[in-house]
Amino acid sequence: MFTITKEVYFCYGHRLMKHPGKCRNIHGHSVKAAISIEANSLDSQGMVRDFSEVQQAASNFIDKHLDHNFLLHKDDPLCKILGENNERFLSIEEHPTAEVIARMIFLHMKSSGFAVTHVDLWETSSAKASYRAD
């Protein structure tokens, strides 16, 4: 089995409304996501996939939905205020944790035809969340 991993970097803001600690406050992160893809054999170029293809597919999703965006749970009262003021934000069904964001990237890459095995998302240099295939 062959595996490649492409790292991508982006920034986002969020808050976790029900969090008992300081993460309930508005804050942001500069994150690294590592997207791992596998194959049983290599293509005619001797690759699992071209790294630039992985970068492009990931960037298409991340640039549109995550990078320099404010992520909120759909029930967060800030959604109404931000919407009324034409501010950029993404309202999602779940709390916008690192785990949920890793899964969002994983599902996008999978739906884009990549044999993604897992996505690791470093919210800080010492804190990582992962989502992997069953």
Foldseek 3Di string as FASTA:
>chain_A
DDKDKDKDWAKEWEAQCPDPDPSNDIDMFTKIKIWMFDDPAAPPVRHLDPNVVVVVQLCVVCVVAPHHEYEAAQPDPVVVVCVVVVHGHHYDPDGPDLQVVQVVSVVSCVVVPTRTAKMWMDRDPPDIYMDGDD
